[in-house]
């Protein structure tokens, strides 16, 4: 149990670090004021919460599909769905300027 708690915490720390880096990289060369700090904090939360919601939604869709489809008779669909569940949320998140890593993390959870 301790292994999973430590592993989950470290993965979440990495995801938060990546989102924070992406947020702060947008403000390089910008004059720092209260407004820019507020925009940075808001941007961080929008990206993180949006990526989380997208990941949970994709995870629910994938679990719903796995309940509907009988994989015993269609192994090719099983492999295709496995690959699609990993790449589609990441791609959608990156296109929407969100964090693909956070999206994949919450898709898997």
PDB file of N, CA and C in Angstrom:
ATOM      1  N   UNK A   1       0.821  -1.183   0.000  1.00  0.00           N
ATOM      2  CA  UNK A   1       0.000   0.000   0.000  1.00  0.00           C
ATOM      3  C   UNK A   1       0.872   1.256   0.000  1.00  0.00           C
ATOM      4  N   UNK A   2       1.932   1.241   0.788  1.00  0.00           N
ATOM      5  CA  UNK A   2       2.817   2.403   0.853  1.00  0.00           C
ATOM      6  C   UNK A   2       3.458   2.689  -0.502  1.00  0.00           C
ATOM      7  N   UNK A   3       3.824   1.642  -1.233  1.00  0.00           N
ATOM      8  CA  UNK A   3       4.415   1.827  -2.558  1.00  0.00           C
ATOM      9  C   UNK A   3       3.466   2.586  -3.475  1.00  0.00           C
ATOM     10  N   UNK A   4       2.205   2.184  -3.489  1.00  0.00           N
ATOM     11  CA  UNK A   4       1.232   2.827  -4.372  1.00  0.00           C
ATOM     12  C   UNK A   4       0.950   4.263  -3.968  1.00  0.00           C
ATOM     13  N   UNK A   5       0.931   4.530  -2.677  1.00  0.00           N
ATOM     14  CA  UNK A   5       0.733   5.905  -2.215  1.00  0.00           C
ATOM     15  C   UNK A   5       1.891   6.801  -2.625  1.00  0.00           C
ATOM     16  N   UNK A   6       3.115   6.312  -2.442  1.00  0.00           N
ATOM     17  CA  UNK A   6       4.291   7.105  -2.806  1.00  0.00           C
ATOM     18  C   UNK A   6       4.375   7.269  -4.320  1.00  0.00           C
ATOM     19  N   UNK A   7       4.087   6.201  -5.062  1.00  0.00           N
ATOM     20  CA  UNK A   7       4.131   6.280  -6.524  1.00  0.00           C
ATOM     21  C   UNK A   7       3.080   7.248  -7.047  1.00  0.00           C
ATOM     22  N   UNK A   8       1.872   7.179  -6.532  1.00  0.00           N
ATOM     23  CA  UNK A   8       0.810   8.086  -6.962  1.00  0.00           C
ATOM     24  C   UNK A   8       1.123   9.525  -6.634  1.00  0.00           C
ATOM     25  N   UNK A   9       1.697   9.755  -5.462  1.00  0.00           N
ATOM     26  CA  UNK A   9       2.059  11.114  -5.074  1.00  0.00           C
ATOM     27  C   UNK A   9       3.154  11.665  -5.976  1.00  0.00           C
ATOM     28  N   UNK A  10       4.124  10.841  -6.331  1.00  0.00           N
ATOM     29  CA  UNK A  10       5.212  11.323  -7.185  1.00  0.00           C
ATOM     30  C   UNK A  10       4.723  11.600  -8.606  1.00  0.00           C
ATOM     31  N   UNK A  11       3.803  10.789  -9.111  1.00  0.00           N
ATOM     32  CA  UNK A  11       3.250  11.033 -10.448  1.00  0.00           C
ATOM     33  C   UNK A  11       2.445  12.324 -10.456  1.00  0.00           C
ATOM     34  N   UNK A  12       1.663  12.552  -9.416  1.00  0.00           N
ATOM     35  CA  UNK A  12       0.875  13.786  -9.334  1.00  0.00           C
ATOM     36  C   UNK A  12       1.792  15.003  -9.191  1.00  0.00           C
ATOM     37  N   UNK A  13       2.882  14.866  -8.437  1.00  0.00           N
ATOM     38  CA  UNK A  13       3.850  15.965  -8.329  1.00  0.00           C
ATOM     39  C   UNK A  13       4.470  16.287  -9.686  1.00  0.00           C
ATOM     40  N   UNK A  14       4.805  15.256 -10.452  1.00  0.00           N
ATOM     41  CA  UNK A  14       5.360  15.485 -11.787  1.00  0.00           C
ATOM     42  C   UNK A  14       4.362  16.200 -12.679  1.00  0.00           C
ATOM     43  N   UNK A  15       3.111  15.785 -12.609  1.00  0.00           N
ATOM     44  CA  UNK A  15       2.073  16.410 -13.441  1.00  0.00           C
ATOM     45  C   UNK A  15       1.883  17.871 -13.055  1.00  0.00           C
ATOM     46  N   UNK A  16       1.838  18.156 -11.759  1.00  0.00           N
ATOM     47  CA  UNK A  16       1.691  19.542 -11.305  1.00  0.00           C
ATOM     48  C   UNK A  16       2.905  20.364 -11.722  1.00  0.00           C
ATOM     49  N   UNK A  17       4.084  19.780 -11.622  1.00  0.00           N
ATOM     50  CA  UNK A  17       5.304  20.480 -12.043  1.00  0.00           C
ATOM     51  C   UNK A  17       5.289  20.829 -13.517  1.00  0.00           C
ATOM     52  N   UNK A  18       4.803  19.921 -14.345  1.00  0.00           N
ATOM     53  CA  UNK A  18       4.727  20.191 -15.784  1.00  0.00           C
ATOM     54  C   UNK A  18       3.727  21.298 -16.098  1.00  0.00           C
ATOM     55  N   UNK A  19       2.581  21.267 -15.453  1.00  0.00           N
ATOM     56  CA  UNK A  19       1.576  22.310 -15.683  1.00  0.00           C
ATOM     57  C   UNK A  19       2.097  23.656 -15.192  1.00  0.00           C
ATOM     58  N   UNK A  20       2.754  23.659 -14.049  1.00  0.00           N
ATOM     59  CA  UNK A  20       3.305  24.899 -13.511  1.00  0.00           C
ATOM     60  C   UNK A  20       4.388  25.460 -14.431  1.00  0.00           C
ATOM     61  N   UNK A  21       5.218  24.592 -14.986  1.00  0.00           N
ATOM     62  CA  UNK A  21       6.250  25.029 -15.926  1.00  0.00           C
ATOM     63  C   UNK A  21       5.619  25.643 -17.174  1.00  0.00           C
ATOM     64  N   UNK A  22       4.599  24.972 -17.727  1.00  0.00           N
ATOM     65  CA  UNK A  22       3.930  25.500 -18.919  1.00  0.00           C
ATOM     66  C   UNK A  22       3.290  26.851 -18.636  1.00  0.00           C
ATOM     67  N   UNK A  23       2.722  26.991 -17.452  1.00  0.00           N
ATOM     68  CA  UNK A  23       2.079  28.256 -17.086  1.00  0.00           C
ATOM     69  C   UNK A  23       3.105  29.368 -16.942  1.00  0.00           C
ATOM     70  N   UNK A  24       4.184  29.103 -16.242  1.00  0.00           N
ATOM     71  CA  UNK A  24       5.185  30.143 -16.008  1.00  0.00           C
ATOM     72  C   UNK A  24       5.984  30.477 -17.266  1.00  0.00           C
ATOM     73  N   UNK A  25       6.120  29.512 -18.179  1.00  0.00           N
ATOM     74  CA  UNK A  25       6.854  29.780 -19.415  1.00  0.00           C
ATOM     75  C   UNK A  25       6.143  30.821 -20.277  1.00  0.00           C
ATOM     76  N   UNK A  26       4.833  30.933 -20.123  1.00  0.00           N
ATOM     77  CA  UNK A  26       4.086  31.929 -20.888  1.00  0.00           C
ATOM     78  C   UNK A  26       4.389  33.347 -20.425  1.00  0.00           C
ATOM     79  N   UNK A  27       4.926  33.500 -19.229  1.00  0.00           N
ATOM     80  CA  UNK A  27       5.129  34.819 -18.655  1.00  0.00           C
ATOM     81  C   UNK A  27       6.591  35.254 -18.658  1.00  0.00           C
ATOM     82  N   UNK A  28       7.412  34.610 -19.451  1.00  0.00           N
ATOM     83  CA  UNK A  28       8.804  35.034 -19.591  1.00  0.00           C
ATOM     84  C   UNK A  28       8.827  36.309 -20.423  1.00  0.00           C
ATOM     85  N   UNK A  29       9.462  37.318 -19.906  1.00  0.00           N
ATOM     86  CA  UNK A  29       9.559  38.587 -20.601  1.00  0.00           C
ATOM     87  C   UNK A  29       8.373  39.508 -20.386  1.00  0.00           C
ATOM     88  N   UNK A  30       7.435  39.112 -19.541  1.00  0.00           N
ATOM     89  CA  UNK A  30       6.273  39.936 -19.247  1.00  0.00           C
ATOM     90  C   UNK A  30       6.540  40.689 -17.945  1.00  0.00           C
ATOM     91  N   UNK A  31       6.142  41.929 -17.911  1.00  0.00           N
ATOM     92  CA  UNK A  31       6.316  42.705 -16.686  1.00  0.00           C
ATOM     93  C   UNK A  31       5.455  42.098 -15.583  1.00  0.00           C
ATOM     94  N   UNK A  32       6.055  41.904 -14.421  1.00  0.00           N
ATOM     95  CA  UNK A  32       5.352  41.258 -13.315  1.00  0.00           C
ATOM     96  C   UNK A  32       4.552  42.284 -12.524  1.00  0.00           C
ATOM     97  N   UNK A  33       3.282  42.038 -12.418  1.00  0.00           N
ATOM     98  CA  UNK A  33       2.394  42.879 -11.630  1.00  0.00           C
ATOM     99  C   UNK A  33       1.379  41.962 -10.961  1.00  0.00           C
ATOM    100  N   UNK A  34       0.513  42.558 -10.180  1.00  0.00           N
ATOM    101  CA  UNK A  34      -0.514  41.755  -9.529  1.00  0.00           C
ATOM    102  C   UNK A  34      -1.416  41.088 -10.565  1.00  0.00           C
ATOM    103  N   UNK A  35      -1.710  41.792 -11.654  1.00  0.00           N
ATOM    104  CA  UNK A  35      -2.554  41.220 -12.705  1.00  0.00           C
ATOM    105  C   UNK A  35      -1.910  40.014 -13.365  1.00  0.00           C
ATOM    106  N   UNK A  36      -0.617  40.103 -13.668  1.00  0.00           N
ATOM    107  CA  UNK A  36       0.046  38.983 -14.328  1.00  0.00           C
ATOM    108  C   UNK A  36       0.149  37.772 -13.406  1.00  0.00           C
ATOM    109  N   UNK A  37       0.331  38.016 -12.116  1.00  0.00           N
ATOM    110  CA  UNK A  37       0.370  36.905 -11.165  1.00  0.00           C
ATOM    111  C   UNK A  37      -1.009  36.264 -11.050  1.00  0.00           C
ATOM    112  N   UNK A  38      -2.048  37.087 -11.004  1.00  0.00           N
ATOM    113  CA  UNK A  38      -3.407  36.557 -10.936  1.00  0.00           C
ATOM    114  C   UNK A  38      -3.751  35.767 -12.195  1.00  0.00           C
ATOM    115  N   UNK A  39      -3.320  36.254 -13.342  1.00  0.00           N
ATOM    116  CA  UNK A  39      -3.557  35.535 -14.603  1.00  0.00           C
ATOM    117  C   UNK A  39      -2.802  34.207 -14.604  1.00  0.00           C
ATOM    118  N   UNK A  40      -1.593  34.192 -14.064  1.00  0.00           N
ATOM    119  CA  UNK A  40      -0.811  32.954 -14.012  1.00  0.00           C
ATOM    120  C   UNK A  40      -1.479  31.921 -13.112  1.00  0.00           C
ATOM    121  N   UNK A  41      -1.953  32.350 -11.959  1.00  0.00           N
ATOM    122  CA  UNK A  41      -2.631  31.426 -11.040  1.00  0.00           C
ATOM    123  C   UNK A  41      -3.917  30.899 -11.673  1.00  0.00           C
ATOM    124  N   UNK A  42      -4.681  31.778 -12.278  1.00  0.00           N
ATOM    125  CA  UNK A  42      -5.918  31.370 -12.939  1.00  0.00           C
ATOM    126  C   UNK A  42      -5.636  30.428 -14.105  1.00  0.00           C
ATOM    127  N   UNK A  43      -4.599  30.718 -14.882  1.00  0.00           N
ATOM    128  CA  UNK A  43      -4.218  29.867 -16.003  1.00  0.00           C
ATOM    129  C   UNK A  43      -3.826  28.473 -15.518  1.00  0.00           C
ATOM    130  N   UNK A  44      -3.076  28.422 -14.422  1.00  0.00           N
ATOM    131  CA  UNK A  44      -2.668  27.129 -13.855  1.00  0.00           C
ATOM    132  C   UNK A  44      -3.895  26.303 -13.481  1.00  0.00           C
ATOM    133  N   UNK A  45      -4.838  26.911 -12.772  1.00  0.00           N
ATOM    134  CA  UNK A  45      -6.012  26.167 -12.345  1.00  0.00           C
ATOM    135  C   UNK A  45      -6.907  25.777 -13.509  1.00  0.00           C
ATOM    136  N   UNK A  46      -7.014  26.623 -14.506  1.00  0.00           N
ATOM    137  CA  UNK A  46      -7.824  26.284 -15.681  1.00  0.00           C
ATOM    138  C   UNK A  46      -7.217  25.095 -16.416  1.00  0.00           C
ATOM    139  N   UNK A  47      -5.907  25.112 -16.603  1.00  0.00           N
ATOM    140  CA  UNK A  47      -5.246  24.004 -17.295  1.00  0.00           C
ATOM    141  C   UNK A  47      -5.355  22.720 -16.485  1.00  0.00           C
ATOM    142  N   UNK A  48      -5.083  22.805 -15.183  1.00  0.00           N
ATOM    143  CA  UNK A  48      -5.083  21.591 -14.361  1.00  0.00           C
ATOM    144  C   UNK A  48      -6.487  21.011 -14.215  1.00  0.00           C
ATOM    145  N   UNK A  49      -7.457  21.855 -13.908  1.00  0.00           N
ATOM    146  CA  UNK A  49      -8.832  21.352 -13.738  1.00  0.00           C
ATOM    147  C   UNK A  49      -9.402  20.886 -15.076  1.00  0.00           C
ATOM    148  N   UNK A  50      -9.129  21.616 -16.142  1.00  0.00           N
ATOM    149  CA  UNK A  50      -9.602  21.195 -17.458  1.00  0.00           C
ATOM    150  C   UNK A  50      -9.013  19.865 -17.884  1.00  0.00           C
ATOM    151  N   UNK A  51      -7.738  19.678 -17.639  1.00  0.00           N
ATOM    152  CA  UNK A  51      -7.090  18.404 -17.970  1.00  0.00           C
ATOM    153  C   UNK A  51      -7.647  17.273 -17.124  1.00  0.00           C
ATOM    154  N   UNK A  52      -7.922  17.555 -15.856  1.00  0.00           N
ATOM    155  CA  UNK A  52      -8.494  16.544 -14.970  1.00  0.00           C
ATOM    156  C   UNK A  52      -9.889  16.139 -15.435  1.00  0.00           C
ATOM    157  N   UNK A  53     -10.722  17.110 -15.758  1.00  0.00           N
ATOM    158  CA  UNK A  53     -12.083  16.814 -16.218  1.00  0.00           C
ATOM    159  C   UNK A  53     -12.051  16.034 -17.528  1.00  0.00           C
ATOM    160  N   UNK A  54     -11.188  16.438 -18.441  1.00  0.00           N
ATOM    161  CA  UNK A  54     -11.060  15.720 -19.708  1.00  0.00           C
ATOM    162  C   UNK A  54     -10.587  14.283 -19.483  1.00  0.00           C
ATOM    163  N   UNK A  55      -9.644  14.096 -18.582  1.00  0.00           N
ATOM    164  CA  UNK A  55      -9.156  12.750 -18.284  1.00  0.00           C
ATOM    165  C   UNK A  55     -10.206  11.862 -17.659  1.00  0.00           C
ATOM    166  N   UNK A  56     -10.963  12.407 -16.715  1.00  0.00           N
ATOM    167  CA  UNK A  56     -12.037  11.630 -16.081  1.00  0.00           C
ATOM    168  C   UNK A  56     -13.107  11.273 -17.107  1.00  0.00           C
ATOM    169  N   UNK A  57     -13.451  12.230 -17.963  1.00  0.00           N
ATOM    170  CA  UNK A  57     -14.448  11.956 -19.007  1.00  0.00           C
ATOM    171  C   UNK A  57     -13.971  10.844 -19.947  1.00  0.00           C
ATOM    172  N   UNK A  58     -12.728  10.927 -20.392  1.00  0.00           N
ATOM    173  CA  UNK A  58     -12.202   9.898 -21.301  1.00  0.00           C
ATOM    174  C   UNK A  58     -12.120   8.543 -20.610  1.00  0.00           C
ATOM    175  N   UNK A  59     -11.791   8.532 -19.327  1.00  0.00           N
ATOM    176  CA  UNK A  59     -11.760   7.286 -18.578  1.00  0.00           C
ATOM    177  C   UNK A  59     -13.134   6.662 -18.448  1.00  0.00           C
ATOM    178  N   UNK A  60     -14.149   7.511 -18.214  1.00  0.00           N
ATOM    179  CA  UNK A  60     -15.512   6.997 -18.123  1.00  0.00           C
ATOM    180  C   UNK A  60     -15.994   6.449 -19.467  1.00  0.00           C
ATOM    181  N   UNK A  61     -15.647   7.134 -20.551  1.00  0.00           N
ATOM    182  CA  UNK A  61     -16.022   6.643 -21.884  1.00  0.00           C
ATOM    183  C   UNK A  61     -15.336   5.309 -22.167  1.00  0.00           C
ATOM    184  N   UNK A  62     -14.051   5.207 -21.827  1.00  0.00           N
ATOM    185  CA  UNK A  62     -13.319   3.957 -22.065  1.00  0.00           C
ATOM    186  C   UNK A  62     -13.884   2.815 -21.226  1.00  0.00           C
ATOM    187  N   UNK A  63     -14.237   3.090 -19.981  1.00  0.00           N
ATOM    188  CA  UNK A  63     -14.800   2.022 -19.146  1.00  0.00           C
ATOM    189  C   UNK A  63     -16.189   1.624 -19.641  1.00  0.00           C
ATOM    190  N   UNK A  64     -16.961   2.596 -20.132  1.00  0.00           N
ATOM    191  CA  UNK A  64     -18.263   2.271 -20.699  1.00  0.00           C
ATOM    192  C   UNK A  64     -18.139   1.405 -21.941  1.00  0.00           C
ATOM    193  N   UNK A  65     -17.174   1.738 -22.797  1.00  0.00           N
ATOM    194  CA  UNK A  65     -16.956   0.923 -23.998  1.00  0.00           C
ATOM    195  C   UNK A  65     -16.490  -0.482 -23.646  1.00  0.00           C
ATOM    196  N   UNK A  66     -15.667  -0.594 -22.620  1.00  0.00           N
ATOM    197  CA  UNK A  66     -15.179  -1.932 -22.248  1.00  0.00           C
ATOM    198  C   UNK A  66     -16.278  -2.776 -21.616  1.00  0.00           C
ATOM    199  N   UNK A  67     -17.308  -2.146 -21.075  1.00  0.00           N
ATOM    200  CA  UNK A  67     -18.447  -2.913 -20.565  1.00  0.00           C
ATOM    201  C   UNK A  67     -19.351  -3.383 -21.696  1.00  0.00           C
ATOM    202  N   UNK A  68     -19.453  -2.567 -22.747  1.00  0.00           N
ATOM    203  CA  UNK A  68     -20.369  -2.878 -23.848  1.00  0.00           C
ATOM    204  C   UNK A  68     -19.780  -3.919 -24.792  1.00  0.00           C
ATOM    205  N   UNK A  69     -18.495  -3.766 -25.119  1.00  0.00           N
ATOM    206  CA  UNK A  69     -17.863  -4.620 -26.130  1.00  0.00           C
ATOM    207  C   UNK A  69     -17.374  -5.917 -25.488  1.00  0.00           C
ATOM    208  N   UNK A  70     -17.683  -7.039 -26.142  1.00  0.00           N
ATOM    209  CA  UNK A  70     -17.213  -8.347 -25.673  1.00  0.00           C
ATOM    210  C   UNK A  70     -15.854  -8.619 -26.319  1.00  0.00           C
ATOM    211  N   UNK A  71     -14.799  -8.476 -25.535  1.00  0.00           N
ATOM    212  CA  UNK A  71     -13.451  -8.594 -26.069  1.00  0.00           C
ATOM    213  C   UNK A  71     -13.008 -10.039 -26.299  1.00  0.00           C
ATOM    214  N   UNK A  72     -13.740 -11.006 -25.820  1.00  0.00           N
ATOM    215  CA  UNK A  72     -13.361 -12.404 -26.034  1.00  0.00           C
ATOM    216  C   UNK A  72     -13.458 -12.790 -27.507  1.00  0.00           C
ATOM    217  N   UNK A  73     -14.364 -12.134 -28.218  1.00  0.00           N
ATOM    218  CA  UNK A  73     -14.564 -12.477 -29.623  1.00  0.00           C
ATOM    219  C   UNK A  73     -13.903 -11.478 -30.570  1.00  0.00           C
ATOM    220  N   UNK A  74     -13.407 -10.380 -30.044  1.00  0.00           N
ATOM    221  CA  UNK A  74     -12.814  -9.342 -30.892  1.00  0.00           C
ATOM    222  C   UNK A  74     -11.490  -8.848 -30.291  1.00  0.00           C
ATOM    223  N   UNK A  75     -10.431  -9.653 -30.382  1.00  0.00           N
ATOM    224  CA  UNK A  75      -9.155  -9.228 -29.790  1.00  0.00           C
ATOM    225  C   UNK A  75      -8.530  -8.032 -30.512  1.00  0.00           C
ATOM    226  N   UNK A  76      -8.817  -7.860 -31.786  1.00  0.00           N
ATOM    227  CA  UNK A  76      -8.268  -6.721 -32.517  1.00  0.00           C
ATOM    228  C   UNK A  76      -8.867  -5.411 -32.004  1.00  0.00           C
ATOM    229  N   UNK A  77     -10.144  -5.413 -31.708  1.00  0.00           N
ATOM    230  CA  UNK A  77     -10.784  -4.214 -31.160  1.00  0.00           C
ATOM    231  C   UNK A  77     -10.227  -3.918 -29.771  1.00  0.00           C
ATOM    232  N   UNK A  78      -9.929  -4.952 -29.001  1.00  0.00           N
ATOM    233  CA  UNK A  78      -9.367  -4.752 -27.666  1.00  0.00           C
ATOM    234  C   UNK A  78      -8.026  -4.031 -27.745  1.00  0.00           C
ATOM    235  N   UNK A  79      -7.160  -4.479 -28.626  1.00  0.00           N
ATOM    236  CA  UNK A  79      -5.863  -3.819 -28.795  1.00  0.00           C
ATOM    237  C   UNK A  79      -5.987  -2.406 -29.325  1.00  0.00           C
ATOM    238  N   UNK A  80      -6.895  -2.230 -30.267  1.00  0.00           N
ATOM    239  CA  UNK A  80      -7.122  -0.895 -30.835  1.00  0.00           C
ATOM    240  C   UNK A  80      -7.674   0.066 -29.796  1.00  0.00           C
ATOM    241  N   UNK A  81      -8.614  -0.395 -28.989  1.00  0.00           N
ATOM    242  CA  UNK A  81      -9.191   0.450 -27.945  1.00  0.00           C
ATOM    243  C   UNK A  81      -8.147   0.806 -26.894  1.00  0.00           C
ATOM    244  N   UNK A  82      -7.268  -0.130 -26.572  1.00  0.00           N
ATOM    245  CA  UNK A  82      -6.208   0.140 -25.610  1.00  0.00           C
ATOM    246  C   UNK A  82      -5.308   1.269 -26.098  1.00  0.00           C
ATOM    247  N   UNK A  83      -4.901   1.209 -27.354  1.00  0.00           N
ATOM    248  CA  UNK A  83      -4.052   2.259 -27.915  1.00  0.00           C
ATOM    249  C   UNK A  83      -4.821   3.571 -28.010  1.00  0.00           C
ATOM    250  N   UNK A  84      -6.076   3.511 -28.424  1.00  0.00           N
ATOM    251  CA  UNK A  84      -6.895   4.711 -28.566  1.00  0.00           C
ATOM    252  C   UNK A  84      -7.132   5.394 -27.218  1.00  0.00           C
ATOM    253  N   UNK A  85      -7.319   4.616 -26.166  1.00  0.00           N
ATOM    254  CA  UNK A  85      -7.559   5.186 -24.833  1.00  0.00           C
ATOM    255  C   UNK A  85      -6.332   5.951 -24.342  1.00  0.00           C
ATOM    256  N   UNK A  86      -5.166   5.574 -24.776  1.00  0.00           N
ATOM    257  CA  UNK A  86      -3.959   6.270 -24.331  1.00  0.00           C
ATOM    258  C   UNK A  86      -3.623   7.481 -25.198  1.00  0.00           C
ATOM    259  N   UNK A  87      -3.768   7.367 -26.494  1.00  0.00           N
ATOM    260  CA  UNK A  87      -3.341   8.451 -27.372  1.00  0.00           C
ATOM    261  C   UNK A  87      -4.405   9.516 -27.619  1.00  0.00           C
ATOM    262  N   UNK A  88      -5.659   9.141 -27.686  1.00  0.00           N
ATOM    263  CA  UNK A  88      -6.712  10.114 -27.994  1.00  0.00           C
ATOM    264  C   UNK A  88      -6.838  11.199 -26.921  1.00  0.00           C
ATOM    265  N   UNK A  89      -6.909  10.864 -25.621  1.00  0.00           N
ATOM    266  CA  UNK A  89      -7.009  11.940 -24.624  1.00  0.00           C
ATOM    267  C   UNK A  89      -5.784  12.849 -24.606  1.00  0.00           C
ATOM    268  N   UNK A  90      -4.609  12.269 -24.798  1.00  0.00           N
ATOM    269  CA  UNK A  90      -3.388  13.073 -24.824  1.00  0.00           C
ATOM    270  C   UNK A  90      -3.426  14.058 -25.981  1.00  0.00           C
ATOM    271  N   UNK A  91      -3.817  13.578 -27.152  1.00  0.00           N
ATOM    272  CA  UNK A  91      -3.871  14.431 -28.337  1.00  0.00           C
ATOM    273  C   UNK A  91      -4.920  15.525 -28.191  1.00  0.00           C
ATOM    274  N   UNK A  92      -6.090  15.175 -27.690  1.00  0.00           N
ATOM    275  CA  UNK A  92      -7.150  16.166 -27.503  1.00  0.00           C
ATOM    276  C   UNK A  92      -6.703  17.233 -26.504  1.00  0.00           C
ATOM    277  N   UNK A  93      -6.062  16.815 -25.425  1.00  0.00           N
ATOM    278  CA  UNK A  93      -5.593  17.776 -24.422  1.00  0.00           C
ATOM    279  C   UNK A  93      -4.548  18.711 -25.003  1.00  0.00           C
ATOM    280  N   UNK A  94      -3.630  18.199 -25.777  1.00  0.00           N
ATOM    281  CA  UNK A  94      -2.595  19.045 -26.370  1.00  0.00           C
ATOM    282  C   UNK A  94      -3.183  20.016 -27.389  1.00  0.00           C
ATOM    283  N   UNK A  95      -4.173  19.579 -28.151  1.00  0.00           N
ATOM    284  CA  UNK A  95      -4.826  20.463 -29.119  1.00  0.00           C
ATOM    285  C   UNK A  95      -5.566  21.589 -28.395  1.00  0.00           C
ATOM    286  N   UNK A  96      -6.149  21.293 -27.238  1.00  0.00           N
ATOM    287  CA  UNK A  96      -6.867  22.295 -26.458  1.00  0.00           C
ATOM    288  C   UNK A  96      -5.949  23.109 -25.546  1.00  0.00           C
ATOM    289  N   UNK A  97      -4.633  22.968 -25.705  1.00  0.00           N
ATOM    290  CA  UNK A  97      -3.621  23.670 -24.898  1.00  0.00           C
ATOM    291  C   UNK A  97      -3.739  23.334 -23.419  1.00  0.00           C
ATOM    292  N   UNK A  98      -4.058  22.098 -23.140  1.00  0.00           N
ATOM    293  CA  UNK A  98      -4.068  21.607 -21.763  1.00  0.00           C
ATOM    294  C   UNK A  98      -2.905  20.646 -21.594  1.00  0.00           C
ATOM    295  N   UNK A  99      -2.821  20.015 -20.445  1.00  0.00           N
ATOM    296  CA  UNK A  99      -1.725  19.095 -20.174  1.00  0.00           C
ATOM    297  C   UNK A  99      -2.132  17.673 -20.529  1.00  0.00           C
ATOM    298  N   UNK A 100      -1.431  17.108 -21.500  1.00  0.00           N
ATOM    299  CA  UNK A 100      -1.698  15.730 -21.893  1.00  0.00           C
ATOM    300  C   UNK A 100      -1.315  14.739 -20.813  1.00  0.00           C
ATOM    301  N   UNK A 101      -0.260  15.039 -20.055  1.00  0.00           N
ATOM    302  CA  UNK A 101       0.194  14.143 -18.997  1.00  0.00           C
ATOM    303  C   UNK A 101      -0.860  14.042 -17.891  1.00  0.00           C
ATOM    304  N   UNK A 102      -1.403  15.185 -17.471  1.00  0.00           N
ATOM    305  CA  UNK A 102      -2.438  15.167 -16.431  1.00  0.00           C
ATOM    306  C   UNK A 102      -3.683  14.455 -16.947  1.00  0.00           C
ATOM    307  N   UNK A 103      -4.025  14.663 -18.206  1.00  0.00           N
ATOM    308  CA  UNK A 103      -5.189  14.007 -18.788  1.00  0.00           C
ATOM    309  C   UNK A 103      -5.020  12.500 -18.787  1.00  0.00           C
ATOM    310  N   UNK A 104      -3.873  12.016 -19.195  1.00  0.00           N
ATOM    311  CA  UNK A 104      -3.613  10.573 -19.211  1.00  0.00           C
ATOM    312  C   UNK A 104      -3.594  10.018 -17.796  1.00  0.00           C
ATOM    313  N   UNK A 105      -3.046  10.772 -16.841  1.00  0.00           N
ATOM    314  CA  UNK A 105      -3.027  10.330 -15.450  1.00  0.00           C
ATOM    315  C   UNK A 105      -4.444  10.087 -14.950  1.00  0.00           C
ATOM    316  N   UNK A 106      -5.338  11.033 -15.182  1.00  0.00           N
ATOM    317  CA  UNK A 106      -6.700  10.878 -14.682  1.00  0.00           C
ATOM    318  C   UNK A 106      -7.547   9.960 -15.568  1.00  0.00           C
ATOM    319  N   UNK A 107      -7.155   9.741 -16.806  1.00  0.00           N
ATOM    320  CA  UNK A 107      -7.833   8.720 -17.619  1.00  0.00           C
ATOM    321  C   UNK A 107      -7.557   7.353 -17.036  1.00  0.00           C
ATOM    322  N   UNK A 108      -6.325   7.134 -16.638  1.00  0.00           N
ATOM    323  CA  UNK A 108      -5.957   5.826 -16.063  1.00  0.00           C
ATOM    324  C   UNK A 108      -6.535   5.587 -14.695  1.00  0.00           C
ATOM    325  N   UNK A 109      -6.686   6.647 -13.928  1.00  0.00           N
ATOM    326  CA  UNK A 109      -7.231   6.480 -12.581  1.00  0.00           C
ATOM    327  C   UNK A 109      -8.692   6.124 -12.682  1.00  0.00           C
TER     328      UNK A 109
END
